[in-house]
PDB file of N, CA and C in Angstrom:
ATOM      1  N   MET A   1     -31.184  10.267  16.695  1.00  0.00           N
ATOM      2  CA  MET A   1     -30.962   9.602  17.816  1.00  0.00           C
ATOM      3  C   MET A   1     -31.832   9.213  18.632  1.00  0.00           C
ATOM      4  N   GLU A   2     -33.049   8.367  19.190  1.00  0.00           N
ATOM      5  CA  GLU A   2     -33.858   8.351  20.104  1.00  0.00           C
ATOM      6  C   GLU A   2     -34.467   7.325  20.657  1.00  0.00           C
ATOM      7  N   THR A   3     -34.370   7.317  21.783  1.00  0.00           N
ATOM      8  CA  THR A   3     -34.342   6.048  23.064  1.00  0.00           C
ATOM      9  C   THR A   3     -36.074   6.420  23.451  1.00  0.00           C
ATOM     10  N   LEU A   4     -36.758   5.004  23.225  1.00  0.00           N
ATOM     11  CA  LEU A   4     -37.910   5.415  23.463  1.00  0.00           C
ATOM     12  C   LEU A   4     -37.913   4.952  24.975  1.00  0.00           C
ATOM     13  N   LEU A   5     -39.390   5.545  25.226  1.00  0.00           N
ATOM     14  CA  LEU A   5     -39.673   5.758  27.116  1.00  0.00           C
ATOM     15  C   LEU A   5     -40.552   4.470  27.326  1.00  0.00           C
ATOM     16  N   GLN A   6     -41.455   4.377  28.269  1.00  0.00           N
ATOM     17  CA  GLN A   6     -42.357   4.130  28.823  1.00  0.00           C
ATOM     18  C   GLN A   6     -42.502   4.309  30.155  1.00  0.00           C
ATOM     19  N   PRO A   7     -43.133   5.506  30.545  1.00  0.00           N
ATOM     20  CA  PRO A   7     -43.188   5.829  32.414  1.00  0.00           C
ATOM     21  C   PRO A   7     -43.226   4.830  33.204  1.00  0.00           C
ATOM     22  N   GLY A   8     -42.548   4.883  34.268  1.00  0.00           N
ATOM     23  CA  GLY A   8     -42.841   3.533  35.309  1.00  0.00           C
ATOM     24  C   GLY A   8     -41.515   2.235  34.914  1.00  0.00           C
ATOM     25  N   CYS A   9     -41.183   2.028  33.349  1.00  0.00           N
ATOM     26  CA  CYS A   9     -40.758   1.052  32.700  1.00  0.00           C
ATOM     27  C   CYS A   9     -39.510   0.837  32.209  1.00  0.00           C
ATOM     28  N   GLY A  10     -38.882   2.105  32.453  1.00  0.00           N
ATOM     29  CA  GLY A  10     -37.515   2.344  31.721  1.00  0.00           C
ATOM     30  C   GLY A  10     -37.735   2.008  30.308  1.00  0.00           C
ATOM     31  N   LYS A  11     -36.177   1.597  29.506  1.00  0.00           N
ATOM     32  CA  LYS A  11     -36.428   2.093  28.158  1.00  0.00           C
ATOM     33  C   LYS A  11     -36.583   1.147  27.590  1.00  0.00           C
ATOM     34  N   LEU A  12     -37.421   0.792  26.449  1.00  0.00           N
ATOM     35  CA  LEU A  12     -37.968  -0.038  25.336  1.00  0.00           C
ATOM     36  C   LEU A  12     -36.777  -0.024  24.366  1.00  0.00           C
ATOM     37  N   GLY A  13     -36.628   0.356  23.801  1.00  0.00           N
ATOM     38  CA  GLY A  13     -35.738   0.477  22.794  1.00  0.00           C
ATOM     39  C   GLY A  13     -34.731   1.519  22.053  1.00  0.00           C
ATOM     40  N   VAL A  14     -34.621   1.739  20.913  1.00  0.00           N
ATOM     41  CA  VAL A  14     -33.736   2.521  20.028  1.00  0.00           C
ATOM     42  C   VAL A  14     -34.156   2.640  18.949  1.00  0.00           C
ATOM     43  N   ARG A  15     -35.013   3.731  18.494  1.00  0.00           N
ATOM     44  CA  ARG A  15     -35.586   3.792  16.640  1.00  0.00           C
ATOM     45  C   ARG A  15     -34.629   4.739  15.673  1.00  0.00           C
ATOM     46  N   GLY A  16     -34.850   3.747  14.617  1.00  0.00           N
ATOM     47  CA  GLY A  16     -34.042   4.563  13.458  1.00  0.00           C
ATOM     48  C   GLY A  16     -32.724   3.942  13.421  1.00  0.00           C
ATOM     49  N   HIS A  17     -31.713   3.182  14.507  1.00  0.00           N
ATOM     50  CA  HIS A  17     -30.847   2.856  14.447  1.00  0.00           C
ATOM     51  C   HIS A  17     -30.383   1.659  13.850  1.00  0.00           C
ATOM     52  N   ASN A  18     -29.368   0.878  13.568  1.00  0.00           N
ATOM     53  CA  ASN A  18     -29.127  -0.661  13.765  1.00  0.00           C
ATOM     54  C   ASN A  18     -28.841  -1.353  15.020  1.00  0.00           C
ATOM     55  N   GLN A  19     -28.889  -2.885  15.504  1.00  0.00           N
ATOM     56  CA  GLN A  19     -28.403  -3.160  16.143  1.00  0.00           C
ATOM     57  C   GLN A  19     -27.224  -2.739  17.282  1.00  0.00           C
ATOM     58  N   GLN A  20     -26.223  -2.144  15.942  1.00  0.00           N
ATOM     59  CA  GLN A  20     -24.767  -2.027  16.607  1.00  0.00           C
ATOM     60  C   GLN A  20     -25.083  -0.644  17.512  1.00  0.00           C
ATOM     61  N   GLU A  21     -25.310  -0.011  16.877  1.00  0.00           N
ATOM     62  CA  GLU A  21     -25.689   1.684  17.621  1.00  0.00           C
ATOM     63  C   GLU A  21     -26.400   1.676  18.068  1.00  0.00           C
ATOM     64  N   ALA A  22     -28.172   0.968  18.281  1.00  0.00           N
ATOM     65  CA  ALA A  22     -28.471   0.438  19.579  1.00  0.00           C
ATOM     66  C   ALA A  22     -28.018   0.161  20.734  1.00  0.00           C
ATOM     67  N   ALA A  23     -27.152  -0.539  20.307  1.00  0.00           N
ATOM     68  CA  ALA A  23     -26.078  -1.565  21.699  1.00  0.00           C
ATOM     69  C   ALA A  23     -25.370   0.001  22.469  1.00  0.00           C
ATOM     70  N   ARG A  24     -24.728   0.378  21.330  1.00  0.00           N
ATOM     71  CA  ARG A  24     -23.832   1.607  22.098  1.00  0.00           C
ATOM     72  C   ARG A  24     -24.100   2.696  22.464  1.00  0.00           C
ATOM     73  N   MET A  25     -26.085   3.064  21.938  1.00  0.00           N
ATOM     74  CA  MET A  25     -26.719   4.210  22.943  1.00  0.00           C
ATOM     75  C   MET A  25     -26.683   3.374  24.141  1.00  0.00           C
ATOM     76  N   GLU A  26     -27.240   2.255  24.592  1.00  0.00           N
ATOM     77  CA  GLU A  26     -27.333   1.842  25.507  1.00  0.00           C
ATOM     78  C   GLU A  26     -26.575   1.871  26.664  1.00  0.00           C
ATOM     79  N   ALA A  27     -25.348   1.565  25.620  1.00  0.00           N
ATOM     80  CA  ALA A  27     -24.214   1.569  26.968  1.00  0.00           C
ATOM     81  C   ALA A  27     -23.857   2.587  27.257  1.00  0.00           C
ATOM     82  N   GLN A  28     -24.265   3.549  26.759  1.00  0.00           N
ATOM     83  CA  GLN A  28     -24.208   5.388  27.384  1.00  0.00           C
ATOM     84  C   GLN A  28     -25.024   5.161  28.687  1.00  0.00           C
ATOM     85  N   GLY A  29     -26.158   4.731  28.591  1.00  0.00           N
ATOM     86  CA  GLY A  29     -26.837   5.217  29.424  1.00  0.00           C
ATOM     87  C   GLY A  29     -26.171   4.931  31.581  1.00  0.00           C
ATOM     88  N   VAL A  30     -26.517   5.559  32.379  1.00  0.00           N
ATOM     89  CA  VAL A  30     -26.055   5.227  33.490  1.00  0.00           C
ATOM     90  C   VAL A  30     -26.814   5.161  34.558  1.00  0.00           C
ATOM     91  N   SER A  31     -27.146   4.116  35.637  1.00  0.00           N
ATOM     92  CA  SER A  31     -28.086   3.980  36.783  1.00  0.00           C
ATOM     93  C   SER A  31     -27.705   4.435  38.089  1.00  0.00           C
ATOM     94  N   THR A  32     -29.017   4.762  38.560  1.00  0.00           N
ATOM     95  CA  THR A  32     -28.733   5.474  40.185  1.00  0.00           C
ATOM     96  C   THR A  32     -27.210   4.637  40.496  1.00  0.00           C
ATOM     97  N   ALA A  33     -27.462   3.527  40.633  1.00  0.00           N
ATOM     98  CA  ALA A  33     -26.194   2.529  41.257  1.00  0.00           C
ATOM     99  C   ALA A  33     -24.960   2.929  40.820  1.00  0.00           C
ATOM    100  N   GLN A  34     -24.666   3.612  39.565  1.00  0.00           N
ATOM    101  CA  GLN A  34     -23.063   4.016  39.241  1.00  0.00           C
ATOM    102  C   GLN A  34     -23.217   5.270  39.164  1.00  0.00           C
ATOM    103  N   LEU A  35     -23.759   6.433  40.196  1.00  0.00           N
ATOM    104  CA  LEU A  35     -23.862   7.399  40.202  1.00  0.00           C
ATOM    105  C   LEU A  35     -23.407   7.174  41.527  1.00  0.00           C
ATOM    106  N   ARG A  36     -22.258   8.619  41.619  1.00  0.00           N
ATOM    107  CA  ARG A  36     -21.350   8.941  43.398  1.00  0.00           C
ATOM    108  C   ARG A  36     -21.470  10.258  42.942  1.00  0.00           C
ATOM    109  N   ILE A  37     -20.926  10.763  44.084  1.00  0.00           N
ATOM    110  CA  ILE A  37     -21.240  12.565  44.533  1.00  0.00           C
ATOM    111  C   ILE A  37     -20.464  12.619  43.633  1.00  0.00           C
ATOM    112  N   GLY A  38     -20.049  14.213  43.039  1.00  0.00           N
ATOM    113  CA  GLY A  38     -19.611  14.780  42.710  1.00  0.00           C
ATOM    114  C   GLY A  38     -19.348  14.691  41.166  1.00  0.00           C
ATOM    115  N   ASP A  39     -19.924  13.556  40.667  1.00  0.00           N
ATOM    116  CA  ASP A  39     -20.276  12.950  38.798  1.00  0.00           C
ATOM    117  C   ASP A  39     -20.788  14.001  38.678  1.00  0.00           C
ATOM    118  N   ASN A  40     -20.091  14.196  37.181  1.00  0.00           N
ATOM    119  CA  ASN A  40     -21.184  15.263  36.227  1.00  0.00           C
ATOM    120  C   ASN A  40     -21.855  14.522  35.424  1.00  0.00           C
ATOM    121  N   ILE A  41     -22.926  14.791  35.223  1.00  0.00           N
ATOM    122  CA  ILE A  41     -23.887  14.342  34.457  1.00  0.00           C
ATOM    123  C   ILE A  41     -24.744  15.234  33.074  1.00  0.00           C
ATOM    124  N   GLU A  42     -25.184  14.333  32.164  1.00  0.00           N
ATOM    125  CA  GLU A  42     -25.927  14.885  31.323  1.00  0.00           C
ATOM    126  C   GLU A  42     -27.456  14.162  31.391  1.00  0.00           C
ATOM    127  N   ALA A  43     -28.705  14.654  31.503  1.00  0.00           N
ATOM    128  CA  ALA A  43     -29.906  14.358  31.224  1.00  0.00           C
ATOM    129  C   ALA A  43     -30.462  14.511  30.040  1.00  0.00           C
ATOM    130  N   TRP A  44     -31.056  13.520  29.391  1.00  0.00           N
ATOM    131  CA  TRP A  44     -31.586  13.556  28.000  1.00  0.00           C
ATOM    132  C   TRP A  44     -32.671  13.131  28.139  1.00  0.00           C
ATOM    133  N   HIS A  45     -33.615  13.794  27.039  1.00  0.00           N
ATOM    134  CA  HIS A  45     -35.037  13.069  27.205  1.00  0.00           C
ATOM    135  C   HIS A  45     -35.544  13.477  25.308  1.00  0.00           C
ATOM    136  N   ARG A  46     -35.399  12.093  25.006  1.00  0.00           N
ATOM    137  CA  ARG A  46     -36.096  12.854  23.114  1.00  0.00           C
ATOM    138  C   ARG A  46     -34.752  13.367  22.429  1.00  0.00           C
ATOM    139  N   GLY A  47     -33.585  12.840  22.843  1.00  0.00           N
ATOM    140  CA  GLY A  47     -32.849  13.309  22.088  1.00  0.00           C
ATOM    141  C   GLY A  47     -32.501  15.024  22.352  1.00  0.00           C
ATOM    142  N   LYS A  48     -33.123  15.893  23.133  1.00  0.00           N
ATOM    143  CA  LYS A  48     -32.684  17.087  23.770  1.00  0.00           C
ATOM    144  C   LYS A  48     -32.000  17.308  25.146  1.00  0.00           C
ATOM    145  N   LEU A  49     -31.168  17.705  25.350  1.00  0.00           N
ATOM    146  CA  LEU A  49     -30.156  17.804  26.887  1.00  0.00           C
ATOM    147  C   LEU A  49     -31.267  18.807  27.913  1.00  0.00           C
ATOM    148  N   PHE A  50     -32.159  17.769  28.837  1.00  0.00           N
ATOM    149  CA  PHE A  50     -32.602  18.591  29.569  1.00  0.00           C
ATOM    150  C   PHE A  50     -32.021  19.364  30.653  1.00  0.00           C
ATOM    151  N   HIS A  51     -30.988  18.445  31.693  1.00  0.00           N
ATOM    152  CA  HIS A  51     -30.044  18.920  32.390  1.00  0.00           C
ATOM    153  C   HIS A  51     -28.712  18.943  32.584  1.00  0.00           C
ATOM    154  N   SER A  52     -27.948  19.180  33.281  1.00  0.00           N
ATOM    155  CA  SER A  52     -26.210  19.218  33.838  1.00  0.00           C
ATOM    156  C   SER A  52     -25.897  19.436  34.352  1.00  0.00           C
ATOM    157  N   GLY A  53     -24.813  18.876  35.454  1.00  0.00           N
ATOM    158  CA  GLY A  53     -24.687  19.629  36.617  1.00  0.00           C
ATOM    159  C   GLY A  53     -23.944  18.168  37.351  1.00  0.00           C
ATOM    160  N   ARG A  54     -23.398  18.619  38.623  1.00  0.00           N
ATOM    161  CA  ARG A  54     -22.705  18.046  39.373  1.00  0.00           C
ATOM    162  C   ARG A  54     -23.861  16.993  40.435  1.00  0.00           C
ATOM    163  N   VAL A  55     -24.017  15.568  40.492  1.00  0.00           N
ATOM    164  CA  VAL A  55     -24.654  14.931  41.787  1.00  0.00           C
ATOM    165  C   VAL A  55     -24.389  15.485  42.720  1.00  0.00           C
ATOM    166  N   THR A  56     -25.288  15.919  43.603  1.00  0.00           N
ATOM    167  CA  THR A  56     -25.244  16.179  45.014  1.00  0.00           C
ATOM    168  C   THR A  56     -25.635  15.016  46.219  1.00  0.00           C
ATOM    169  N   GLY A  57     -26.400  14.230  45.358  1.00  0.00           N
ATOM    170  CA  GLY A  57     -26.856  13.025  46.663  1.00  0.00           C
ATOM    171  C   GLY A  57     -27.578  12.202  45.646  1.00  0.00           C
ATOM    172  N   VAL A  58     -27.325  10.734  46.134  1.00  0.00           N
ATOM    173  CA  VAL A  58     -28.027   9.383  45.679  1.00  0.00           C
ATOM    174  C   VAL A  58     -28.786   8.470  46.639  1.00  0.00           C
ATOM    175  N   VAL A  59     -30.330   8.239  45.943  1.00  0.00           N
ATOM    176  CA  VAL A  59     -31.186   7.419  46.944  1.00  0.00           C
ATOM    177  C   VAL A  59     -30.956   5.921  46.000  1.00  0.00           C
ATOM    178  N   PRO A  60     -29.466   5.268  46.238  1.00  0.00           N
ATOM    179  CA  PRO A  60     -30.893   3.818  44.819  1.00  0.00           C
ATOM    180  C   PRO A  60     -31.688   2.971  45.408  1.00  0.00           C
ATOM    181  N   ALA A  61     -32.351   3.405  46.381  1.00  0.00           N
ATOM    182  CA  ALA A  61     -33.239   2.423  47.270  1.00  0.00           C
ATOM    183  C   ALA A  61     -34.492   3.043  46.133  1.00  0.00           C
ATOM    184  N   LEU A  62     -34.684   4.221  46.373  1.00  0.00           N
ATOM    185  CA  LEU A  62     -34.957   4.773  45.306  1.00  0.00           C
ATOM    186  C   LEU A  62     -35.201   4.864  43.681  1.00  0.00           C
ATOM    187  N   ASP A  63     -34.159   4.854  43.407  1.00  0.00           N
ATOM    188  CA  ASP A  63     -33.735   5.021  42.134  1.00  0.00           C
ATOM    189  C   ASP A  63     -33.307   6.269  41.895  1.00  0.00           C
ATOM    190  N   LEU A  64     -33.446   7.055  41.827  1.00  0.00           N
ATOM    191  CA  LEU A  64     -33.497   8.361  42.297  1.00  0.00           C
ATOM    192  C   LEU A  64     -32.207   9.299  42.453  1.00  0.00           C
ATOM    193  N   PHE A  65     -31.892  10.581  42.044  1.00  0.00           N
ATOM    194  CA  PHE A  65     -30.400  11.678  42.189  1.00  0.00           C
ATOM    195  C   PHE A  65     -30.633  13.145  42.556  1.00  0.00           C
ATOM    196  N   TRP A  66     -29.951  13.258  43.063  1.00  0.00           N
ATOM    197  CA  TRP A  66     -30.396  15.073  43.381  1.00  0.00           C
ATOM    198  C   TRP A  66     -28.948  15.812  42.304  1.00  0.00           C
ATOM    199  N   ILE A  67     -28.809  16.414  41.294  1.00  0.00           N
ATOM    200  CA  ILE A  67     -28.142  17.009  40.568  1.00  0.00           C
ATOM    201  C   ILE A  67     -27.913  18.803  41.307  1.00  0.00           C
ATOM    202  N   LEU A  68     -26.901  19.311  41.166  1.00  0.00           N
ATOM    203  CA  LEU A  68     -26.592  21.101  41.158  1.00  0.00           C
ATOM    204  C   LEU A  68     -26.563  21.606  39.729  1.00  0.00           C
ATOM    205  N   ASP A  69     -27.942  21.720  39.003  1.00  0.00           N
ATOM    206  CA  ASP A  69     -28.216  22.270  37.755  1.00  0.00           C
ATOM    207  C   ASP A  69     -26.696  23.676  36.871  1.00  0.00           C
ATOM    208  N   ALA A  70     -25.969  22.855  36.445  1.00  0.00           N
ATOM    209  CA  ALA A  70     -24.777  23.775  36.059  1.00  0.00           C
ATOM    210  C   ALA A  70     -25.669  25.479  35.818  1.00  0.00           C
ATOM    211  N   ARG A  71     -26.591  25.382  34.624  1.00  0.00           N
ATOM    212  CA  ARG A  71     -27.656  26.217  34.245  1.00  0.00           C
ATOM    213  C   ARG A  71     -28.045  27.329  34.567  1.00  0.00           C
ATOM    214  N   THR A  72     -28.977  26.717  36.126  1.00  0.00           N
ATOM    215  CA  THR A  72     -29.313  27.126  36.718  1.00  0.00           C
ATOM    216  C   THR A  72     -29.137  27.612  38.353  1.00  0.00           C
ATOM    217  N   GLY A  73     -27.904  26.409  38.585  1.00  0.00           N
ATOM    218  CA  GLY A  73     -27.785  26.901  39.974  1.00  0.00           C
ATOM    219  C   GLY A  73     -28.702  26.346  40.497  1.00  0.00           C
ATOM    220  N   ALA A  74     -29.558  25.714  40.598  1.00  0.00           N
ATOM    221  CA  ALA A  74     -30.726  25.172  41.038  1.00  0.00           C
ATOM    222  C   ALA A  74     -30.911  23.335  41.523  1.00  0.00           C
ATOM    223  N   ARG A  75     -30.749  23.104  42.400  1.00  0.00           N
ATOM    224  CA  ARG A  75     -31.199  21.769  42.891  1.00  0.00           C
ATOM    225  C   ARG A  75     -32.168  20.695  41.894  1.00  0.00           C
ATOM    226  N   LYS A  76     -31.752  19.854  41.425  1.00  0.00           N
ATOM    227  CA  LYS A  76     -32.907  19.192  40.735  1.00  0.00           C
ATOM    228  C   LYS A  76     -33.084  17.375  41.200  1.00  0.00           C
ATOM    229  N   LEU A  77     -34.048  17.246  41.054  1.00  0.00           N
ATOM    230  CA  LEU A  77     -34.337  15.472  41.836  1.00  0.00           C
ATOM    231  C   LEU A  77     -34.428  14.995  40.244  1.00  0.00           C
ATOM    232  N   LEU A  78     -33.703  14.338  39.738  1.00  0.00           N
ATOM    233  CA  LEU A  78     -33.686  13.125  38.416  1.00  0.00           C
ATOM    234  C   LEU A  78     -34.127  11.953  38.892  1.00  0.00           C
ATOM    235  N   ASP A  79     -35.131  11.475  37.710  1.00  0.00           N
ATOM    236  CA  ASP A  79     -35.697  10.342  37.646  1.00  0.00           C
ATOM    237  C   ASP A  79     -35.210   9.030  36.578  1.00  0.00           C
ATOM    238  N   PRO A  80     -33.650   8.340  37.057  1.00  0.00           N
ATOM    239  CA  PRO A  80     -33.284   7.468  35.525  1.00  0.00           C
ATOM    240  C   PRO A  80     -34.077   6.719  34.676  1.00  0.00           C
ATOM    241  N   GLU A  81     -35.459   6.717  35.072  1.00  0.00           N
ATOM    242  CA  GLU A  81     -36.871   6.305  34.248  1.00  0.00           C
ATOM    243  C   GLU A  81     -36.931   6.911  33.332  1.00  0.00           C
ATOM    244  N   ALA A  82     -36.822   7.951  33.610  1.00  0.00           N
ATOM    245  CA  ALA A  82     -37.565   8.938  32.718  1.00  0.00           C
ATOM    246  C   ALA A  82     -36.922   9.696  31.923  1.00  0.00           C
ATOM    247  N   LEU A  83     -35.297   9.353  31.755  1.00  0.00           N
ATOM    248  CA  LEU A  83     -34.314  10.464  31.115  1.00  0.00           C
ATOM    249  C   LEU A  83     -32.996   9.266  31.017  1.00  0.00           C
ATOM    250  N   GLU A  84     -32.609   9.286  29.878  1.00  0.00           N
ATOM    251  CA  GLU A  84     -31.238   9.277  29.555  1.00  0.00           C
ATOM    252  C   GLU A  84     -30.140   9.698  30.446  1.00  0.00           C
ATOM    253  N   ILE A  85     -29.238   8.906  31.342  1.00  0.00           N
ATOM    254  CA  ILE A  85     -28.087   9.867  32.322  1.00  0.00           C
ATOM    255  C   ILE A  85     -26.765   9.290  31.561  1.00  0.00           C
ATOM    256  N   ARG A  86     -26.509  10.146  30.855  1.00  0.00           N
ATOM    257  CA  ARG A  86     -25.040  10.222  30.826  1.00  0.00           C
ATOM    258  C   ARG A  86     -23.676  10.754  31.844  1.00  0.00           C
ATOM    259  N   HIS A  87     -22.772   9.827  31.926  1.00  0.00           N
ATOM    260  CA  HIS A  87     -21.271  10.497  32.490  1.00  0.00           C
ATOM    261  C   HIS A  87     -20.515  11.182  31.778  1.00  0.00           C
ATOM    262  N   MET A  88     -20.396  12.699  32.096  1.00  0.00           N
ATOM    263  CA  MET A  88     -19.379  13.641  31.159  1.00  0.00           C
ATOM    264  C   MET A  88     -17.807  13.884  32.265  1.00  0.00           C
ATOM    265  N   GLU A  89     -17.102  14.376  31.313  1.00  0.00           N
ATOM    266  CA  GLU A  89     -15.642  14.549  31.937  1.00  0.00           C
ATOM    267  C   GLU A  89     -16.180  16.084  33.065  1.00  0.00           C
ATOM    268  N   ALA A  90     -15.527  16.247  34.292  1.00  0.00           N
ATOM    269  CA  ALA A  90     -15.871  17.186  34.675  1.00  0.00           C
ATOM    270  C   ALA A  90     -15.048  18.568  33.961  1.00  0.00           C
ATOM    271  N   PRO A  91     -16.032  19.476  34.103  1.00  0.00           N
ATOM    272  CA  PRO A  91     -15.970  20.527  33.936  1.00  0.00           C
ATOM    273  C   PRO A  91     -14.128  21.303  34.043  1.00  0.00           C
ATOM    274  N   ALA A  92     -13.498  21.649  33.161  1.00  0.00           N
ATOM    275  CA  ALA A  92     -12.337  23.093  33.126  1.00  0.00           C
ATOM    276  C   ALA A  92     -11.923  23.512  34.583  1.00  0.00           C
ATOM    277  N   GLU A  93     -11.499  23.327  34.947  1.00  0.00           N
ATOM    278  CA  GLU A  93     -11.748  24.186  36.389  1.00  0.00           C
ATOM    279  C   GLU A  93     -10.461  25.743  36.043  1.00  0.00           C
ATOM    280  N   PRO A  94     -11.525  26.789  36.144  1.00  0.00           N
ATOM    281  CA  PRO A  94     -10.675  27.941  36.270  1.00  0.00           C
ATOM    282  C   PRO A  94      -8.903  27.884  35.875  1.00  0.00           C
ATOM    283  N   LEU A  95      -8.113  29.127  35.123  1.00  0.00           N
ATOM    284  CA  LEU A  95      -7.015  29.296  35.463  1.00  0.00           C
ATOM    285  C   LEU A  95      -6.745  30.585  36.457  1.00  0.00           C
ATOM    286  N   LEU A  96      -6.667  30.631  37.525  1.00  0.00           N
ATOM    287  CA  LEU A  96      -6.876  31.760  38.191  1.00  0.00           C
ATOM    288  C   LEU A  96      -4.866  32.080  38.553  1.00  0.00           C
ATOM    289  N   GLY A  97      -4.984  33.201  38.301  1.00  0.00           N
ATOM    290  CA  GLY A  97      -3.856  34.329  38.486  1.00  0.00           C
ATOM    291  C   GLY A  97      -2.962  34.530  37.743  1.00  0.00           C
ATOM    292  N   LEU A  98      -3.008  33.551  36.240  1.00  0.00           N
ATOM    293  CA  LEU A  98      -2.272  34.052  35.318  1.00  0.00           C
ATOM    294  C   LEU A  98      -3.061  35.053  33.972  1.00  0.00           C
ATOM    295  N   SER A  99      -2.264  35.903  34.096  1.00  0.00           N
ATOM    296  CA  SER A  99      -2.443  37.205  33.349  1.00  0.00           C
ATOM    297  C   SER A  99      -2.772  36.808  31.685  1.00  0.00           C
ATOM    298  N   PRO A 100      -3.607  36.887  30.703  1.00  0.00           N
ATOM    299  CA  PRO A 100      -3.689  37.063  29.581  1.00  0.00           C
ATOM    300  C   PRO A 100      -2.249  36.721  28.352  1.00  0.00           C
ATOM    301  N   ALA A 101      -2.298  36.534  27.764  1.00  0.00           N
ATOM    302  CA  ALA A 101      -1.565  36.407  27.014  1.00  0.00           C
ATOM    303  C   ALA A 101      -1.225  37.378  26.000  1.00  0.00           C
TER     304      ALA A 101
END
């Protein structure tokens, strides 16, 4: 599955899939206006996962947002025009104080 992007212009279309699959793929993309602080997201580009983490700030006027990268712990400024953003389920909370079975 590959979403074609044109720099500064957003998504052009999906190559290699029928129209129903393309519509489903487009529905998965999340715009900056839909993001809230605390949301967990993944950022994909050309079928590869580039970033995942928790949204820490949103700038709708510039169509940009910040995440705390789950892998590196670093803050990342992401541009949804260059990446496909997907909402993810919140990660499971660690179980504290329970002994192993």
